[in-house]
Amino acid sequence: MSARETFHIEILGVADRAEPDPVLSRVSVRVEDQAGAEERALRLFARARVPQRAGEPAEAVRVIDGAGREVFFRSRFDAGA
């Protein structure tokens, strides 16, 4: 039996003076490894960017490990985003 790790995925919008915390949504996932968390983050990011979605558009996604370190980041400007 393999150990599963907890990662936190944050979908980010644009930070501004009125709302300095750009986090639009947070999801915690338990997956086998960091690659699984990155895959899940990219799927959530793609879904958050669809034109039919109401609300502020997603600008980036990041994955934070259980120790609170950012281990993955992708913005809408990165290739493949």
PDB file of N, CA and C in Angstrom:
ATOM      1  N   MET A   1       0.851  -1.181   0.000  1.00  0.00           N
ATOM      2  CA  MET A   1       0.000   0.000   0.000  1.00  0.00           C
ATOM      3  C   MET A   1       0.897   1.244   0.000  1.00  0.00           C
ATOM      4  N   SER A   2       0.645   2.142  -0.912  1.00  0.00           N
ATOM      5  CA  SER A   2       1.469   3.352  -1.005  1.00  0.00           C
ATOM      6  C   SER A   2       0.853   4.490  -0.196  1.00  0.00           C
ATOM      7  N   ALA A   3       1.721   5.361   0.261  1.00  0.00           N
ATOM      8  CA  ALA A   3       1.273   6.514   1.056  1.00  0.00           C
ATOM      9  C   ALA A   3       0.741   7.593   0.132  1.00  0.00           C
ATOM     10  N   ARG A   4      -0.313   8.213   0.546  1.00  0.00           N
ATOM     11  CA  ARG A   4      -0.880   9.323  -0.220  1.00  0.00           C
ATOM     12  C   ARG A   4      -0.526  10.609   0.490  1.00  0.00           C
ATOM     13  N   GLU A   5      -0.298  11.651  -0.289  1.00  0.00           N
ATOM     14  CA  GLU A   5       0.055  12.959   0.260  1.00  0.00           C
ATOM     15  C   GLU A   5      -1.085  13.937   0.034  1.00  0.00           C
ATOM     16  N   THR A   6      -1.153  14.940   0.890  1.00  0.00           N
ATOM     17  CA  THR A   6      -2.143  16.001   0.730  1.00  0.00           C
ATOM     18  C   THR A   6      -1.479  17.196   0.075  1.00  0.00           C
ATOM     19  N   PHE A   7      -2.124  17.699  -0.969  1.00  0.00           N
ATOM     20  CA  PHE A   7      -1.685  18.906  -1.659  1.00  0.00           C
ATOM     21  C   PHE A   7      -2.868  19.864  -1.702  1.00  0.00           C
ATOM     22  N   HIS A   8      -2.572  21.146  -1.734  1.00  0.00           N
ATOM     23  CA  HIS A   8      -3.606  22.178  -1.812  1.00  0.00           C
ATOM     24  C   HIS A   8      -3.469  22.878  -3.159  1.00  0.00           C
ATOM     25  N   ILE A   9      -4.572  22.942  -3.886  1.00  0.00           N
ATOM     26  CA  ILE A   9      -4.606  23.575  -5.202  1.00  0.00           C
ATOM     27  C   ILE A   9      -5.369  24.882  -5.070  1.00  0.00           C
ATOM     28  N   GLU A  10      -4.760  25.957  -5.550  1.00  0.00           N
ATOM     29  CA  GLU A  10      -5.405  27.270  -5.506  1.00  0.00           C
ATOM     30  C   GLU A  10      -5.539  27.810  -6.922  1.00  0.00           C
ATOM     31  N   ILE A  11      -6.758  28.190  -7.265  1.00  0.00           N
ATOM     32  CA  ILE A  11      -7.029  28.864  -8.534  1.00  0.00           C
ATOM     33  C   ILE A  11      -6.968  30.357  -8.238  1.00  0.00           C
ATOM     34  N   LEU A  12      -6.143  31.078  -8.994  1.00  0.00           N
ATOM     35  CA  LEU A  12      -5.889  32.488  -8.716  1.00  0.00           C
ATOM     36  C   LEU A  12      -6.501  33.395  -9.768  1.00  0.00           C
ATOM     37  N   GLY A  13      -6.990  34.540  -9.311  1.00  0.00           N
ATOM     38  CA  GLY A  13      -7.467  35.590 -10.196  1.00  0.00           C
ATOM     39  C   GLY A  13      -6.446  36.717 -10.205  1.00  0.00           C
ATOM     40  N   VAL A  14      -6.881  37.892 -10.538  1.00  0.00           N
ATOM     41  CA  VAL A  14      -6.005  39.060 -10.569  1.00  0.00           C
ATOM     42  C   VAL A  14      -6.031  39.741  -9.206  1.00  0.00           C
ATOM     43  N   ALA A  15      -4.871  39.993  -8.640  1.00  0.00           N
ATOM     44  CA  ALA A  15      -4.796  40.719  -7.375  1.00  0.00           C
ATOM     45  C   ALA A  15      -4.924  42.212  -7.654  1.00  0.00           C
ATOM     46  N   ASP A  16      -5.659  42.895  -6.806  1.00  0.00           N
ATOM     47  CA  ASP A  16      -5.764  44.354  -6.918  1.00  0.00           C
ATOM     48  C   ASP A  16      -5.807  44.950  -5.508  1.00  0.00           C
ATOM     49  N   ARG A  17      -5.876  46.232  -5.443  1.00  0.00           N
ATOM     50  CA  ARG A  17      -5.853  46.888  -4.126  1.00  0.00           C
ATOM     51  C   ARG A  17      -7.105  46.592  -3.310  1.00  0.00           C
ATOM     52  N   ALA A  18      -8.241  46.465  -3.959  1.00  0.00           N
ATOM     53  CA  ALA A  18      -9.480  46.206  -3.233  1.00  0.00           C
ATOM     54  C   ALA A  18      -9.505  44.780  -2.679  1.00  0.00           C
ATOM     55  N   GLU A  19      -8.929  43.837  -3.399  1.00  0.00           N
ATOM     56  CA  GLU A  19      -8.916  42.435  -2.994  1.00  0.00           C
ATOM     57  C   GLU A  19      -7.507  41.881  -3.186  1.00  0.00           C
ATOM     58  N   PRO A  20      -6.625  42.061  -2.187  1.00  0.00           N
ATOM     59  CA  PRO A  20      -5.234  41.664  -2.357  1.00  0.00           C
ATOM     60  C   PRO A  20      -5.006  40.151  -2.449  1.00  0.00           C
ATOM     61  N   ASP A  21      -5.919  39.340  -1.919  1.00  0.00           N
ATOM     62  CA  ASP A  21      -5.780  37.886  -1.996  1.00  0.00           C
ATOM     63  C   ASP A  21      -6.439  37.410  -3.286  1.00  0.00           C
ATOM     64  N   PRO A  22      -5.643  36.997  -4.266  1.00  0.00           N
ATOM     65  CA  PRO A  22      -6.214  36.642  -5.560  1.00  0.00           C
ATOM     66  C   PRO A  22      -6.811  35.235  -5.632  1.00  0.00           C
ATOM     67  N   VAL A  23      -6.898  34.510  -4.525  1.00  0.00           N
ATOM     68  CA  VAL A  23      -7.387  33.137  -4.559  1.00  0.00           C
ATOM     69  C   VAL A  23      -8.892  33.127  -4.815  1.00  0.00           C
ATOM     70  N   LEU A  24      -9.280  32.496  -5.927  1.00  0.00           N
ATOM     71  CA  LEU A  24     -10.699  32.356  -6.268  1.00  0.00           C
ATOM     72  C   LEU A  24     -11.288  31.101  -5.644  1.00  0.00           C
ATOM     73  N   SER A  25     -10.493  30.029  -5.595  1.00  0.00           N
ATOM     74  CA  SER A  25     -10.953  28.797  -4.961  1.00  0.00           C
ATOM     75  C   SER A  25      -9.762  27.975  -4.501  1.00  0.00           C
ATOM     76  N   ARG A  26     -10.017  27.142  -3.487  1.00  0.00           N
ATOM     77  CA  ARG A  26      -8.997  26.249  -2.932  1.00  0.00           C
ATOM     78  C   ARG A  26      -9.579  24.842  -2.865  1.00  0.00           C
ATOM     79  N   VAL A  27      -8.745  23.884  -3.202  1.00  0.00           N
ATOM     80  CA  VAL A  27      -9.143  22.484  -3.131  1.00  0.00           C
ATOM     81  C   VAL A  27      -7.985  21.708  -2.525  1.00  0.00           C
ATOM     82  N   SER A  28      -8.284  20.834  -1.577  1.00  0.00           N
ATOM     83  CA  SER A  28      -7.272  19.938  -1.034  1.00  0.00           C
ATOM     84  C   SER A  28      -7.494  18.556  -1.641  1.00  0.00           C
ATOM     85  N   VAL A  29      -6.405  17.924  -2.083  1.00  0.00           N
ATOM     86  CA  VAL A  29      -6.495  16.608  -2.701  1.00  0.00           C
ATOM     87  C   VAL A  29      -5.481  15.671  -2.054  1.00  0.00           C
ATOM     88  N   ARG A  30      -5.820  14.395  -2.006  1.00  0.00           N
ATOM     89  CA  ARG A  30      -4.889  13.365  -1.539  1.00  0.00           C
ATOM     90  C   ARG A  30      -4.571  12.503  -2.744  1.00  0.00           C
ATOM     91  N   VAL A  31      -3.300  12.529  -3.137  1.00  0.00           N
ATOM     92  CA  VAL A  31      -2.859  11.809  -4.321  1.00  0.00           C
ATOM     93  C   VAL A  31      -1.569  11.058  -4.005  1.00  0.00           C
ATOM     94  N   GLU A  32      -1.165  10.203  -4.927  1.00  0.00           N
ATOM     95  CA  GLU A  32       0.037   9.387  -4.749  1.00  0.00           C
ATOM     96  C   GLU A  32       1.311  10.213  -4.733  1.00  0.00           C
ATOM     97  N   ASP A  33       1.373  11.252  -5.599  1.00  0.00           N
ATOM     98  CA  ASP A  33       2.611  12.028  -5.724  1.00  0.00           C
ATOM     99  C   ASP A  33       2.320  13.418  -6.268  1.00  0.00           C
ATOM    100  N   GLN A  34       3.356  14.215  -6.386  1.00  0.00           N
ATOM    101  CA  GLN A  34       3.208  15.586  -6.860  1.00  0.00           C
ATOM    102  C   GLN A  34       2.679  15.639  -8.297  1.00  0.00           C
ATOM    103  N   ALA A  35       3.094  14.695  -9.128  1.00  0.00           N
ATOM    104  CA  ALA A  35       2.628  14.668 -10.518  1.00  0.00           C
ATOM    105  C   ALA A  35       1.110  14.535 -10.584  1.00  0.00           C
ATOM    106  N   GLY A  36       0.529  13.727  -9.705  1.00  0.00           N
ATOM    107  CA  GLY A  36      -0.925  13.592  -9.651  1.00  0.00           C
ATOM    108  C   GLY A  36      -1.605  14.888  -9.261  1.00  0.00           C
ATOM    109  N   ALA A  37      -0.997  15.611  -8.333  1.00  0.00           N
ATOM    110  CA  ALA A  37      -1.551  16.904  -7.914  1.00  0.00           C
ATOM    111  C   ALA A  37      -1.458  17.921  -9.051  1.00  0.00           C
ATOM    112  N   GLU A  38      -0.349  17.914  -9.783  1.00  0.00           N
ATOM    113  CA  GLU A  38      -0.196  18.840 -10.911  1.00  0.00           C
ATOM    114  C   GLU A  38      -1.222  18.552 -11.997  1.00  0.00           C
ATOM    115  N   GLU A  39      -1.449  17.281 -12.281  1.00  0.00           N
ATOM    116  CA  GLU A  39      -2.440  16.909 -13.286  1.00  0.00           C
ATOM    117  C   GLU A  39      -3.830  17.384 -12.880  1.00  0.00           C
ATOM    118  N   ARG A  40      -4.174  17.162 -11.628  1.00  0.00           N
ATOM    119  CA  ARG A  40      -5.471  17.610 -11.125  1.00  0.00           C
ATOM    120  C   ARG A  40      -5.588  19.131 -11.173  1.00  0.00           C
ATOM    121  N   ALA A  41      -4.501  19.836 -10.822  1.00  0.00           N
ATOM    122  CA  ALA A  41      -4.491  21.299 -10.851  1.00  0.00           C
ATOM    123  C   ALA A  41      -4.726  21.817 -12.263  1.00  0.00           C
ATOM    124  N   LEU A  42      -4.087  21.206 -13.245  1.00  0.00           N
ATOM    125  CA  LEU A  42      -4.255  21.656 -14.633  1.00  0.00           C
ATOM    126  C   LEU A  42      -5.673  21.408 -15.125  1.00  0.00           C
ATOM    127  N   ARG A  43      -6.292  20.307 -14.706  1.00  0.00           N
ATOM    128  CA  ARG A  43      -7.693  20.063 -15.091  1.00  0.00           C
ATOM    129  C   ARG A  43      -8.615  21.108 -14.469  1.00  0.00           C
ATOM    130  N   LEU A  44      -8.399  21.407 -13.186  1.00  0.00           N
ATOM    131  CA  LEU A  44      -9.217  22.430 -12.519  1.00  0.00           C
ATOM    132  C   LEU A  44      -9.013  23.799 -13.149  1.00  0.00           C
ATOM    133  N   PHE A  45      -7.775  24.117 -13.510  1.00  0.00           N
ATOM    134  CA  PHE A  45      -7.454  25.396 -14.134  1.00  0.00           C
ATOM    135  C   PHE A  45      -8.148  25.511 -15.490  1.00  0.00           C
ATOM    136  N   ALA A  46      -8.109  24.464 -16.276  1.00  0.00           N
ATOM    137  CA  ALA A  46      -8.776  24.481 -17.586  1.00  0.00           C
ATOM    138  C   ALA A  46     -10.274  24.693 -17.423  1.00  0.00           C
ATOM    139  N   ARG A  47     -10.862  24.023 -16.444  1.00  0.00           N
ATOM    140  CA  ARG A  47     -12.298  24.179 -16.205  1.00  0.00           C
ATOM    141  C   ARG A  47     -12.632  25.591 -15.721  1.00  0.00           C
ATOM    142  N   ALA A  48     -11.747  26.197 -14.943  1.00  0.00           N
ATOM    143  CA  ALA A  48     -11.979  27.543 -14.422  1.00  0.00           C
ATOM    144  C   ALA A  48     -11.836  28.614 -15.497  1.00  0.00           C
ATOM    145  N   ARG A  49     -11.240  28.251 -16.637  1.00  0.00           N
ATOM    146  CA  ARG A  49     -11.025  29.232 -17.706  1.00  0.00           C
ATOM    147  C   ARG A  49     -12.048  29.131 -18.836  1.00  0.00           C
ATOM    148  N   VAL A  50     -13.008  28.226 -18.773  1.00  0.00           N
ATOM    149  CA  VAL A  50     -13.979  28.095 -19.858  1.00  0.00           C
ATOM    150  C   VAL A  50     -14.812  29.366 -19.952  1.00  0.00           C
ATOM    151  N   PRO A  51     -15.146  29.785 -21.164  1.00  0.00           N
ATOM    152  CA  PRO A  51     -15.882  31.051 -21.342  1.00  0.00           C
ATOM    153  C   PRO A  51     -17.241  31.086 -20.655  1.00  0.00           C
ATOM    154  N   GLN A  52     -17.888  29.947 -20.466  1.00  0.00           N
ATOM    155  CA  GLN A  52     -19.223  29.921 -19.862  1.00  0.00           C
ATOM    156  C   GLN A  52     -19.189  30.104 -18.352  1.00  0.00           C
ATOM    157  N   ARG A  53     -18.025  30.010 -17.740  1.00  0.00           N
ATOM    158  CA  ARG A  53     -17.920  30.115 -16.286  1.00  0.00           C
ATOM    159  C   ARG A  53     -18.248  31.536 -15.838  1.00  0.00           C
ATOM    160  N   ALA A  54     -19.088  31.634 -14.840  1.00  0.00           N
ATOM    161  CA  ALA A  54     -19.442  32.937 -14.288  1.00  0.00           C
ATOM    162  C   ALA A  54     -18.359  33.405 -13.331  1.00  0.00           C
ATOM    163  N   GLY A  55     -18.241  34.687 -13.161  1.00  0.00           N
ATOM    164  CA  GLY A  55     -17.280  35.226 -12.205  1.00  0.00           C
ATOM    165  C   GLY A  55     -15.982  35.643 -12.855  1.00  0.00           C
ATOM    166  N   GLU A  56     -15.038  35.984 -11.998  1.00  0.00           N
ATOM    167  CA  GLU A  56     -13.740  36.466 -12.449  1.00  0.00           C
ATOM    168  C   GLU A  56     -12.958  35.354 -13.164  1.00  0.00           C
ATOM    169  N   PRO A  57     -12.280  35.674 -14.262  1.00  0.00           N
ATOM    170  CA  PRO A  57     -11.525  34.638 -14.968  1.00  0.00           C
ATOM    171  C   PRO A  57     -10.287  34.201 -14.184  1.00  0.00           C
ATOM    172  N   ALA A  58      -9.956  32.928 -14.290  1.00  0.00           N
ATOM    173  CA  ALA A  58      -8.772  32.395 -13.619  1.00  0.00           C
ATOM    174  C   ALA A  58      -7.525  32.830 -14.375  1.00  0.00           C
ATOM    175  N   GLU A  59      -6.531  33.296 -13.649  1.00  0.00           N
ATOM    176  CA  GLU A  59      -5.277  33.752 -14.247  1.00  0.00           C
ATOM    177  C   GLU A  59      -4.144  32.757 -14.039  1.00  0.00           C
ATOM    178  N   ALA A  60      -4.200  31.975 -12.963  1.00  0.00           N
ATOM    179  CA  ALA A  60      -3.116  31.047 -12.656  1.00  0.00           C
ATOM    180  C   ALA A  60      -3.609  29.967 -11.703  1.00  0.00           C
ATOM    181  N   VAL A  61      -2.778  28.951 -11.566  1.00  0.00           N
ATOM    182  CA  VAL A  61      -3.038  27.879 -10.606  1.00  0.00           C
ATOM    183  C   VAL A  61      -1.718  27.556  -9.913  1.00  0.00           C
ATOM    184  N   ARG A  62      -1.810  27.193  -8.626  1.00  0.00           N
ATOM    185  CA  ARG A  62      -0.608  26.767  -7.924  1.00  0.00           C
ATOM    186  C   ARG A  62      -0.940  25.582  -7.044  1.00  0.00           C
ATOM    187  N   VAL A  63       0.105  24.778  -6.793  1.00  0.00           N
ATOM    188  CA  VAL A  63      -0.023  23.618  -5.925  1.00  0.00           C
ATOM    189  C   VAL A  63       0.913  23.841  -4.745  1.00  0.00           C
ATOM    190  N   ILE A  64       0.384  23.633  -3.555  1.00  0.00           N
ATOM    191  CA  ILE A  64       1.140  23.800  -2.319  1.00  0.00           C
ATOM    192  C   ILE A  64       1.180  22.447  -1.622  1.00  0.00           C
ATOM    193  N   ASP A  65       2.372  22.025  -1.216  1.00  0.00           N
ATOM    194  CA  ASP A  65       2.492  20.725  -0.549  1.00  0.00           C
ATOM    195  C   ASP A  65       2.062  20.821   0.912  1.00  0.00           C
ATOM    196  N   GLY A  66       2.090  19.702   1.602  1.00  0.00           N
ATOM    197  CA  GLY A  66       1.651  19.644   2.993  1.00  0.00           C
ATOM    198  C   GLY A  66       2.466  20.505   3.934  1.00  0.00           C
ATOM    199  N   ALA A  67       3.705  20.845   3.540  1.00  0.00           N
ATOM    200  CA  ALA A  67       4.566  21.695   4.368  1.00  0.00           C
ATOM    201  C   ALA A  67       4.350  23.176   4.089  1.00  0.00           C
ATOM    202  N   GLY A  68       3.456  23.498   3.153  1.00  0.00           N
ATOM    203  CA  GLY A  68       3.167  24.896   2.846  1.00  0.00           C
ATOM    204  C   GLY A  68       4.052  25.507   1.775  1.00  0.00           C
ATOM    205  N   ARG A  69       4.829  24.685   1.079  1.00  0.00           N
ATOM    206  CA  ARG A  69       5.704  25.188   0.010  1.00  0.00           C
ATOM    207  C   ARG A  69       4.998  25.104  -1.336  1.00  0.00           C
ATOM    208  N   GLU A  70       5.139  26.151  -2.121  1.00  0.00           N
ATOM    209  CA  GLU A  70       4.601  26.119  -3.483  1.00  0.00           C
ATOM    210  C   GLU A  70       5.497  25.207  -4.315  1.00  0.00           C
ATOM    211  N   VAL A  71       4.900  24.164  -4.903  1.00  0.00           N
ATOM    212  CA  VAL A  71       5.678  23.195  -5.667  1.00  0.00           C
ATOM    213  C   VAL A  71       5.347  23.211  -7.149  1.00  0.00           C
ATOM    214  N   PHE A  72       4.313  23.955  -7.543  1.00  0.00           N
ATOM    215  CA  PHE A  72       3.924  24.035  -8.954  1.00  0.00           C
ATOM    216  C   PHE A  72       3.157  25.330  -9.168  1.00  0.00           C
ATOM    217  N   PHE A  73       3.415  25.968 -10.307  1.00  0.00           N
ATOM    218  CA  PHE A  73       2.703  27.201 -10.657  1.00  0.00           C
ATOM    219  C   PHE A  73       2.569  27.245 -12.172  1.00  0.00           C
ATOM    220  N   ARG A  74       1.378  27.601 -12.649  1.00  0.00           N
ATOM    221  CA  ARG A  74       1.164  27.766 -14.087  1.00  0.00           C
ATOM    222  C   ARG A  74       0.216  28.933 -14.263  1.00  0.00           C
ATOM    223  N   SER A  75       0.576  29.875 -15.137  1.00  0.00           N
ATOM    224  CA  SER A  75      -0.308  31.007 -15.419  1.00  0.00           C
ATOM    225  C   SER A  75      -0.905  30.826 -16.811  1.00  0.00           C
ATOM    226  N   ARG A  76      -1.860  31.667 -17.126  1.00  0.00           N
ATOM    227  CA  ARG A  76      -2.484  31.577 -18.444  1.00  0.00           C
ATOM    228  C   ARG A  76      -1.503  31.953 -19.547  1.00  0.00           C
ATOM    229  N   PHE A  77      -0.396  32.575 -19.193  1.00  0.00           N
ATOM    230  CA  PHE A  77       0.599  32.981 -20.177  1.00  0.00           C
ATOM    231  C   PHE A  77       1.629  31.888 -20.484  1.00  0.00           C
ATOM    232  N   ASP A  78       1.681  30.850 -19.659  1.00  0.00           N
ATOM    233  CA  ASP A  78       2.623  29.750 -19.882  1.00  0.00           C
ATOM    234  C   ASP A  78       2.153  28.883 -21.045  1.00  0.00           C
ATOM    235  N   ALA A  79       3.089  28.275 -21.727  1.00  0.00           N
ATOM    236  CA  ALA A  79       2.769  27.411 -22.854  1.00  0.00           C
ATOM    237  C   ALA A  79       1.905  26.250 -22.374  1.00  0.00           C
ATOM    238  N   GLY A  80       0.884  25.942 -23.147  1.00  0.00           N
ATOM    239  CA  GLY A  80       0.014  24.840 -22.809  1.00  0.00           C
ATOM    240  C   GLY A  80      -1.072  25.152 -21.802  1.00  0.00           C
ATOM    241  N   ALA A  81      -1.138  26.393 -21.341  1.00  0.00           N
ATOM    242  CA  ALA A  81      -2.164  26.742 -20.348  1.00  0.00           C
ATOM    243  C   ALA A  81      -3.453  27.143 -21.028  1.00  0.00           C
TER     244      ALA A  81
END
